[in-house]
Protein backbone atom coordinates (compact mmCIF):
# COMPACT_ATOMS: atom_id res chain seq x y z
CA MET A 1 -11.92 -8.05 18.64
CA SER A 2 -11.66 -11.71 17.67
CA LYS A 3 -12.58 -11.01 13.95
CA ALA A 4 -9.60 -8.51 14.09
CA VAL A 5 -7.26 -10.67 15.39
CA THR A 6 -8.01 -13.32 12.54
CA ILE A 7 -7.74 -10.82 10.13
CA TYR A 8 -4.48 -9.52 11.14
CA ALA A 9 -3.17 -13.25 11.55
CA LEU A 10 -4.70 -14.17 8.21
CA GLY A 11 -2.95 -10.85 7.03
CA PHE A 12 0.27 -11.38 7.82
CA VAL A 13 0.14 -15.02 6.31
CA VAL A 14 -0.93 -13.69 3.32
CA LEU A 15 1.89 -10.91 2.88
CA SER A 16 4.49 -13.64 3.95
CA LEU A 17 2.78 -16.06 0.95
CA VAL A 18 3.19 -12.64 -1.26
CA HIS A 19 6.79 -12.50 -0.37
CA PHE A 20 7.45 -16.28 -0.58
CA PHE A 21 6.01 -16.74 -4.17
CA SER A 22 8.04 -13.30 -5.25
CA GLN A 23 10.92 -16.19 -6.00
CA ARG A 24 13.24 -12.93 -5.92
CA PRO A 25 17.18 -14.86 -6.17
CA LEU A 26 18.69 -16.10 -3.01
CA TRP A 27 21.26 -13.48 -2.06
CA LEU A 28 24.93 -13.39 -0.56
CA ASP A 29 23.98 -15.53 2.77
CA GLU A 30 21.00 -17.77 1.16
CA ASP A 31 23.04 -18.47 -1.67
CA TYR A 32 26.38 -19.38 0.66
CA VAL A 33 23.71 -21.76 2.40
CA TYR A 34 22.64 -23.05 -1.01
CA GLN A 35 26.48 -23.92 -1.85
CA ASN A 36 26.81 -26.01 1.50
CA ILE A 37 23.23 -27.96 0.68
CA VAL A 38 24.40 -28.62 -2.89
CA ASN A 39 28.04 -29.39 -2.78
CA LEU A 40 28.16 -31.33 0.90
CA LYS A 41 27.22 -34.67 1.49
CA TYR A 42 24.67 -35.23 4.70
CA ALA A 43 27.67 -36.14 6.91
CA GLU A 44 29.63 -33.21 5.48
CA LEU A 45 27.27 -30.56 6.94
CA PHE A 46 28.09 -31.76 10.54
CA GLY A 47 31.26 -30.08 10.31
CA PRO A 48 32.48 -27.00 8.90
CA LEU A 49 30.31 -25.10 6.38
CA ARG A 50 32.07 -23.89 3.07
CA PRO A 51 31.45 -21.42 2.35
CA VAL A 52 31.33 -20.52 6.12
CA GLN A 53 28.08 -20.00 7.83
CA SER A 54 26.03 -20.32 11.13
CA PHE A 55 23.22 -22.81 10.61
CA PRO A 56 21.87 -25.44 12.53
CA ARG A 57 23.14 -28.69 10.98
CA VAL A 58 19.75 -30.78 11.56
CA TYR A 59 17.68 -28.27 10.45
CA LEU A 60 20.10 -27.83 6.92
CA ALA A 61 20.08 -31.28 6.37
CA VAL A 62 16.22 -31.51 6.55
CA ILE A 63 15.77 -28.48 4.33
CA LYS A 64 18.57 -30.38 1.87
CA TRP A 65 16.38 -33.65 1.84
CA LEU A 66 13.28 -31.61 1.38
CA GLY A 67 14.32 -29.44 -1.67
CA SER A 68 15.87 -32.84 -3.14
CA PHE A 69 12.45 -33.63 -4.44
CA PHE A 70 12.12 -30.42 -6.20
CA ASP A 71 15.46 -30.37 -7.59
CA GLN A 72 16.74 -27.84 -4.73
CA HIS A 73 14.01 -25.24 -6.18
CA VAL A 74 13.95 -21.74 -4.44
CA LEU A 75 10.29 -22.13 -3.27
CA ALA A 76 11.76 -25.78 -1.92
CA LEU A 77 14.33 -24.30 0.06
CA ARG A 78 12.23 -21.54 1.68
CA LEU A 79 9.26 -23.62 2.23
CA LEU A 80 10.22 -24.87 5.95
CA PRO A 81 10.95 -21.24 6.83
CA LEU A 82 7.70 -19.99 5.61
CA ILE A 83 6.30 -22.96 7.67
CA CYS A 84 7.89 -21.87 10.71
CA MET A 85 7.29 -18.39 10.68
CA THR A 86 3.46 -19.42 10.19
CA GLY A 87 3.76 -21.66 12.97
CA ALA A 88 5.52 -19.49 15.22
CA LEU A 89 2.45 -16.58 14.47
CA PHE A 90 -0.16 -19.10 16.06
CA VAL A 91 2.19 -20.17 18.90
CA TRP A 92 2.43 -16.17 19.67
CA ARG A 93 -1.28 -15.82 19.17
CA LYS A 94 -1.95 -18.00 21.85
CA LEU A 95 0.72 -16.59 24.34
CA TYR A 96 -0.45 -13.17 23.58
CA ALA A 97 -4.29 -13.86 24.17
CA GLY A 98 -3.44 -15.78 27.49
CA SER A 99 -1.24 -12.93 29.00
CA SER A 100 -3.60 -10.34 27.92
CA LYS A 101 -6.61 -12.12 29.54
CA ALA A 102 -5.86 -10.54 33.04
CA GLU A 103 -6.08 -6.86 30.69
CA GLY A 104 -9.25 -8.00 29.44
CA GLN A 105 -7.82 -8.60 25.74
CA SER A 106 -7.49 -5.29 25.08
CA GLN A 107 -4.12 -5.56 24.14
CA PHE A 108 -4.10 -8.65 22.01
CA PRO A 109 -5.37 -7.14 18.80
CA LEU A 110 -2.88 -4.47 18.71
CA LEU A 111 -0.06 -7.33 19.46
CA MET A 112 -1.36 -9.29 16.42
CA PHE A 113 -1.47 -5.97 14.67
CA THR A 114 1.98 -5.61 15.26
CA TRP A 115 2.90 -8.82 13.67
CA LEU A 116 1.39 -8.08 10.82
CA CYS A 117 3.26 -4.84 10.41
CA SER A 118 7.10 -5.74 11.17
CA TYR A 119 8.71 -5.75 8.08
CA TRP A 120 11.60 -8.27 9.68
CA MET A 121 8.79 -10.93 10.58
CA VAL A 122 7.08 -11.49 7.02
CA TYR A 123 11.10 -10.75 5.13
CA TYR A 124 12.62 -14.00 7.29
CA ALA A 125 9.45 -15.88 6.66
CA ALA A 126 10.25 -16.30 3.04
CA GLU A 127 14.16 -16.58 3.16
CA LEU A 128 16.65 -19.41 3.59
CA LYS A 129 17.86 -18.42 7.11
CA PRO A 130 17.07 -20.39 10.44
CA TYR A 131 15.72 -17.16 12.15
CA SER A 132 12.21 -17.93 11.65
CA MET A 133 12.99 -21.42 13.36
CA ASP A 134 14.30 -19.39 16.20
CA VAL A 135 11.00 -17.59 16.69
CA LEU A 136 9.31 -20.69 16.76
CA ALA A 137 11.38 -22.65 19.02
CA VAL A 138 11.32 -19.78 21.29
CA GLY A 139 7.83 -19.71 21.57
CA LEU A 140 7.25 -23.28 22.13
CA TYR A 141 9.37 -23.35 25.31
CA THR A 142 8.05 -20.19 26.36
CA LEU A 143 4.43 -21.78 25.91
CA PHE A 144 5.72 -24.86 28.16
CA PHE A 145 6.85 -22.68 30.94
CA ALA A 146 3.38 -21.17 30.66
CA TYR A 147 2.42 -24.75 31.21
CA GLN A 148 4.75 -25.66 33.97
CA SER A 149 3.10 -22.86 36.13
CA ARG A 150 0.07 -25.28 36.42
CA PHE A 151 1.77 -27.84 38.64
CA ASP A 152 2.47 -26.79 42.22
CA HIS A 153 0.42 -29.70 43.29
CA ARG A 154 -0.45 -31.31 40.67
CA SER A 155 1.13 -34.44 39.08
CA ALA A 156 3.08 -34.69 36.08
CA THR A 157 0.56 -35.16 33.18
CA SER A 158 1.91 -36.81 29.75
CA GLY A 159 1.58 -33.42 28.19
CA LEU A 160 4.23 -32.35 30.59
CA TRP A 161 6.24 -35.39 30.06
CA ALA A 162 6.43 -34.86 26.38
CA GLY A 163 7.73 -31.27 26.63
CA ALA A 164 10.31 -32.80 28.92
CA ILE A 165 11.59 -35.15 26.71
CA LEU A 166 11.03 -33.33 23.30
CA LEU A 167 11.57 -29.71 23.78
CA PRO A 168 15.20 -30.35 24.22
CA CYS A 169 15.48 -31.51 20.56
CA LEU A 170 14.90 -27.95 19.35
CA LEU A 171 18.52 -27.41 20.26
CA PHE A 172 19.50 -29.35 16.93
CA PHE A 173 17.25 -26.75 14.79
CA SER A 174 17.59 -23.51 16.43
CA TYR A 175 20.57 -21.85 18.32
CA ALA A 176 18.17 -19.32 19.79
CA ALA A 177 17.05 -22.73 21.99
CA ILE A 178 20.39 -22.14 23.97
CA PHE A 179 18.74 -19.29 25.59
CA VAL A 180 15.77 -21.18 26.99
CA PHE A 181 16.42 -24.93 27.19
CA TRP A 182 18.03 -24.45 30.69
CA ILE A 183 14.78 -22.67 31.81
CA ALA A 184 12.88 -25.56 31.76
CA VAL A 185 15.07 -27.63 33.84
CA TYR A 186 15.42 -24.53 36.51
CA ASN A 187 11.39 -24.45 36.83
CA PHE A 188 11.35 -28.05 37.54
CA LEU A 189 13.73 -27.98 40.00
CA ARG A 190 11.45 -24.89 41.63
CA LEU A 191 8.64 -27.01 41.36
CA ALA A 192 10.30 -30.08 43.19
CA GLN A 193 11.02 -27.84 46.01
CA VAL A 194 6.95 -27.80 46.50
CA ASN A 195 5.99 -30.98 44.87
CA ARG A 196 7.72 -33.74 45.56
CA GLY A 197 6.01 -35.12 42.55
CA MET A 198 8.32 -33.31 40.10
CA ARG A 199 11.65 -34.99 41.21
CA LEU A 200 11.70 -37.60 38.51
CA ILE A 201 10.56 -35.92 35.59
CA THR A 202 13.33 -32.81 36.95
CA VAL A 203 16.00 -35.52 36.87
CA VAL A 204 14.76 -36.96 33.31
CA SER A 205 14.40 -33.10 31.90
CA GLY A 206 17.94 -32.21 33.03
CA ALA A 207 19.73 -35.68 31.55
CA ILE A 208 17.89 -35.10 28.32
CA SER A 209 18.55 -31.59 28.30
CA LEU A 210 22.53 -32.09 29.03
CA GLY A 211 22.53 -35.22 26.71
CA CYS A 212 20.95 -33.03 23.80
CA PHE A 213 22.95 -30.19 24.32
CA ALA A 214 26.74 -32.05 24.24
CA VAL A 215 25.39 -33.69 21.16
CA PHE A 216 24.23 -30.43 19.61
CA TYR A 217 27.89 -28.76 20.59
CA PHE A 218 30.26 -31.51 19.26
CA THR A 219 27.97 -32.05 16.30
CA ASP A 220 27.43 -28.27 15.39
CA ILE A 221 28.09 -25.21 17.46
CA ARG A 222 31.60 -25.77 18.05
CA HIS A 223 32.08 -25.63 14.44
CA SER A 224 29.72 -22.35 14.10
CA ILE A 225 32.01 -20.74 16.59
CA THR A 226 35.24 -21.62 16.06
CA THR A 227 35.17 -21.89 12.16
CA GLU A 228 37.15 -18.77 10.99
CA GLY A 229 35.12 -16.75 8.89
CA VAL A 230 32.56 -16.54 11.70
CA ASN A 231 33.26 -13.31 13.26
CA TYR A 232 31.07 -10.75 11.09
CA TRP A 233 29.42 -9.81 14.26
CA GLN A 234 32.47 -8.77 16.22
CA SER A 235 31.87 -4.99 16.41
CA TYR A 236 28.34 -5.84 18.18
CA PHE A 237 29.66 -6.88 21.39
CA LEU A 238 29.66 -4.79 24.48
CA CYS A 239 32.96 -2.88 24.88
CA THR A 240 34.76 -2.79 28.11
CA ASP A 241 37.65 -0.57 26.91
CA SER A 242 36.32 1.97 29.00
CA VAL A 243 33.43 3.15 30.80
CA GLY A 244 32.33 5.60 27.89
CA CYS A 245 32.61 2.99 25.19
CA PHE A 246 30.84 0.23 27.20
CA PHE A 247 27.91 2.77 27.66
CA GLU A 248 27.98 3.54 23.73
CA THR A 249 27.53 0.10 22.70
CA LEU A 250 25.07 -0.83 25.36
CA GLY A 251 22.73 2.09 24.03
CA GLU A 252 23.08 1.30 20.34
CA GLY A 253 22.09 -2.18 21.62
CA ILE A 254 19.32 -1.21 23.25
CA LYS A 255 18.51 0.71 20.64
CA ARG A 256 18.27 -1.92 17.93
CA TYR A 257 16.42 -4.33 20.52
CA SER A 258 13.92 -1.88 21.06
CA VAL A 259 13.01 -0.45 17.40
CA TYR A 260 14.81 -2.61 14.80
CA TRP A 261 11.47 -4.81 13.99
CA TRP A 262 9.57 -2.41 11.90
CA GLY A 263 11.53 -1.46 8.99
CA ALA A 264 14.52 -1.87 6.88
CA GLN A 265 14.74 1.86 6.40
CA LYS A 266 16.94 4.20 8.59
CA ALA A 267 13.82 6.49 8.96
CA PHE A 268 11.96 4.02 10.80
CA ARG A 269 14.75 3.49 13.37
CA ARG A 270 14.96 6.97 13.98
CA ALA A 271 10.92 7.41 14.26
CA GLY A 272 10.97 4.18 16.51
CA VAL A 273 13.84 5.93 18.87
CA ILE A 274 10.79 7.44 21.06
CA PHE A 275 10.10 3.98 22.23
CA ILE A 276 13.02 3.14 23.88
CA PRO A 277 12.33 4.55 27.41
CA LEU A 278 9.05 2.92 26.98
CA PHE A 279 10.74 -0.75 26.34
CA LEU A 280 12.77 -0.13 29.00
CA TYR A 281 9.85 0.89 31.66
CA GLY A 282 8.16 -2.02 30.29
CA LEU A 283 11.14 -4.53 30.64
CA TYR A 284 11.56 -3.24 34.65
CA ARG A 285 7.64 -2.69 35.21
CA TYR A 286 6.29 -5.79 34.10
CA GLY A 287 9.60 -8.11 33.65
CA TRP A 288 11.39 -7.71 36.66
CA THR A 289 8.47 -7.02 38.77
CA HIS A 290 6.89 -9.90 37.60
CA LEU A 291 10.22 -11.97 38.10
CA ARG A 292 10.04 -11.01 41.41
CA LYS A 293 6.38 -11.54 42.41
CA ASP A 294 6.66 -15.32 40.82
CA GLN A 295 9.36 -15.76 43.32
CA PHE A 296 11.94 -15.79 40.25
CA ARG A 297 10.23 -18.78 38.89
CA ILE A 298 10.64 -18.16 34.95
CA MET A 299 6.98 -19.05 33.59
CA THR A 300 5.41 -16.21 31.87
CA VAL A 301 6.29 -14.07 28.65
CA ASP A 302 6.97 -10.88 31.15
CA ALA A 303 9.64 -12.72 33.68
CA LEU A 304 11.25 -14.37 30.15
CA SER A 305 11.56 -11.07 28.58
CA VAL A 306 13.79 -9.70 31.37
CA ILE A 307 16.09 -12.92 31.75
CA LEU A 308 16.47 -12.91 27.66
CA MET A 309 17.75 -9.15 28.09
CA LEU A 310 20.14 -10.00 30.70
CA GLU A 311 21.69 -13.00 28.94
CA PHE A 312 22.42 -10.93 25.91
CA VAL A 313 23.94 -8.41 28.34
CA VAL A 314 26.00 -11.11 30.10
CA LEU A 315 26.91 -12.74 26.84
CA GLY A 316 28.03 -9.66 25.25
CA LEU A 317 30.11 -8.37 27.95
CA ALA A 318 31.57 -12.16 27.76
CA GLN A 319 32.34 -11.68 23.78
CA LYS A 320 30.19 -14.91 23.27
CA TYR A 321 27.16 -13.66 21.71
CA PRO A 322 26.41 -10.08 19.83
CA PHE A 323 24.46 -7.46 21.74
CA THR A 324 22.47 -6.65 18.98
CA GLY A 325 18.77 -6.37 17.68
CA GLU A 326 19.33 -7.59 14.50
CA ARG A 327 18.25 -11.18 12.31
CA ILE A 328 20.07 -13.31 14.88
CA THR A 329 18.15 -12.15 17.95
CA LEU A 330 14.75 -11.85 15.87
CA PHE A 331 13.18 -14.58 18.38
CA PHE A 332 12.98 -11.52 20.75
CA ALA A 333 11.12 -9.30 18.63
CA PRO A 334 7.87 -10.80 20.31
CA PHE A 335 8.60 -10.12 23.63
CA VAL A 336 9.72 -6.43 22.51
CA PHE A 337 5.84 -6.09 21.05
CA TYR A 338 4.59 -7.41 24.10
CA ILE A 339 6.46 -5.24 26.87
CA LEU A 340 6.66 -2.11 24.62
CA ILE A 341 2.31 -2.62 23.99
CA LYS A 342 2.03 -2.95 27.90
CA ALA A 343 3.95 0.22 28.50
CA LEU A 344 1.81 1.91 25.92
CA TYR A 345 -1.68 1.38 27.66
CA SER A 346 -0.18 2.10 30.78
CA ALA A 347 1.20 5.33 29.53
CA ARG A 348 -2.38 6.11 28.33
CA ARG A 349 -3.00 6.62 32.29
CA LEU A 350 -1.12 10.10 31.43
CA LYS A 351 -3.96 11.13 29.22
CA TYR A 352 -3.00 13.76 26.67
CA LEU A 353 0.96 12.36 26.48
CA GLY A 354 0.05 8.80 26.15
CA ASN A 355 -2.62 9.17 23.95
CA VAL A 356 -0.06 10.75 21.48
CA LEU A 357 2.28 8.10 22.03
CA PHE A 358 -0.34 5.54 21.58
CA PHE A 359 -1.86 6.90 18.27
CA TYR A 360 1.92 7.93 16.92
CA TYR A 361 2.84 3.89 17.85
CA ILE A 362 -0.68 2.85 15.34
CA GLY A 363 0.80 5.67 12.88
CA TYR A 364 4.15 4.18 13.30
CA CYS A 365 3.12 0.66 12.35
CA CYS A 366 0.44 1.86 9.88
CA VAL A 367 3.51 3.24 7.86
CA SER A 368 5.54 0.19 8.47
CA LEU A 369 2.76 -2.27 6.76
CA ALA A 370 2.26 -0.03 3.76
CA VAL A 371 5.89 0.05 2.88
CA SER A 372 6.39 -3.50 3.37
CA ALA A 373 2.89 -4.10 1.46
CA TRP A 374 4.81 -2.23 -1.22
CA THR A 375 8.13 -3.85 -1.03
CA TYR A 376 6.82 -7.29 -1.44
CA VAL A 377 4.39 -7.17 -4.02
CA ARG A 378 6.69 -5.22 -6.27
CA LEU A 379 8.95 -8.08 -5.71
CA TYR A 380 6.38 -10.36 -6.80
CA SER A 381 5.69 -8.15 -9.81
């Protein structure tokens, strides 16, 4: 079993490298990012980008600095996204291993196989965009939440202090960190209710998180939100004009969150519609149930899955964040894989129907892998 997991992880890295070394030309959004890198000075990156783009400014400055040693070559510009996605793979491997332990590790290989078969995970591992960093940042926070769960009756360790102090800095590298940075403070507050030794670290974590968010807002996110032109996701907000309109946009968004990750072609999304009920069932069965069981502490992949989904709904209704399983929510894909596969294993108890769904999923992943591999090999050649 461990050999299979290693093979799948290495397969993902190899496929990402094939895509990376294809050196395909920078496409539209990448070219806009490139123009900002070469035309703007470092200080100017911390204002409105021209052409308009949403990109974490510190992360963009680091890419610009690294690329300057190689004349902004396409490989240098895409190197950090590749490193981030590779790092995210191994962070999530650790999370999946820990979460699957209670299930006898039976789900672990299939989770890693799903990563290998996800077209978009490989695609954004080799593109000049911030989405692979989002996957890494949220994964690191999720790993920290699991670590926090050990401190009901223990004193704070150097590792816990390091996480409390350093993790808020991820806000400067990933917009997705906005969804999870507050949870570390929330968990500390809950821990402090039963462990007085957590009070000081709670105050420090809260102060650093608030300070980082304030600096992040004034140097970065306010330009990304308010700059004219950053409105191409407008049609993806949840509609509140009528009940019918709301459920139409809600249903379309849930479809995207559930099935977007495996392939670029519409055929994949149509073929994946069958997974939507499983995803929703798993979100309730494992997400909501786990959250209540843990007395609403958010310290597991299960609990965080449902919290993220609730955040998407609330922000979608408030017209603040698109309700879509597109690239800007790539960081949610590992949660979808986890919830869906747990639901698939649960469905196998239905015998015939469960086995049909299970093997359908295996075939679906295999087809996605074949199409992805062919796409990237063709680009390389």
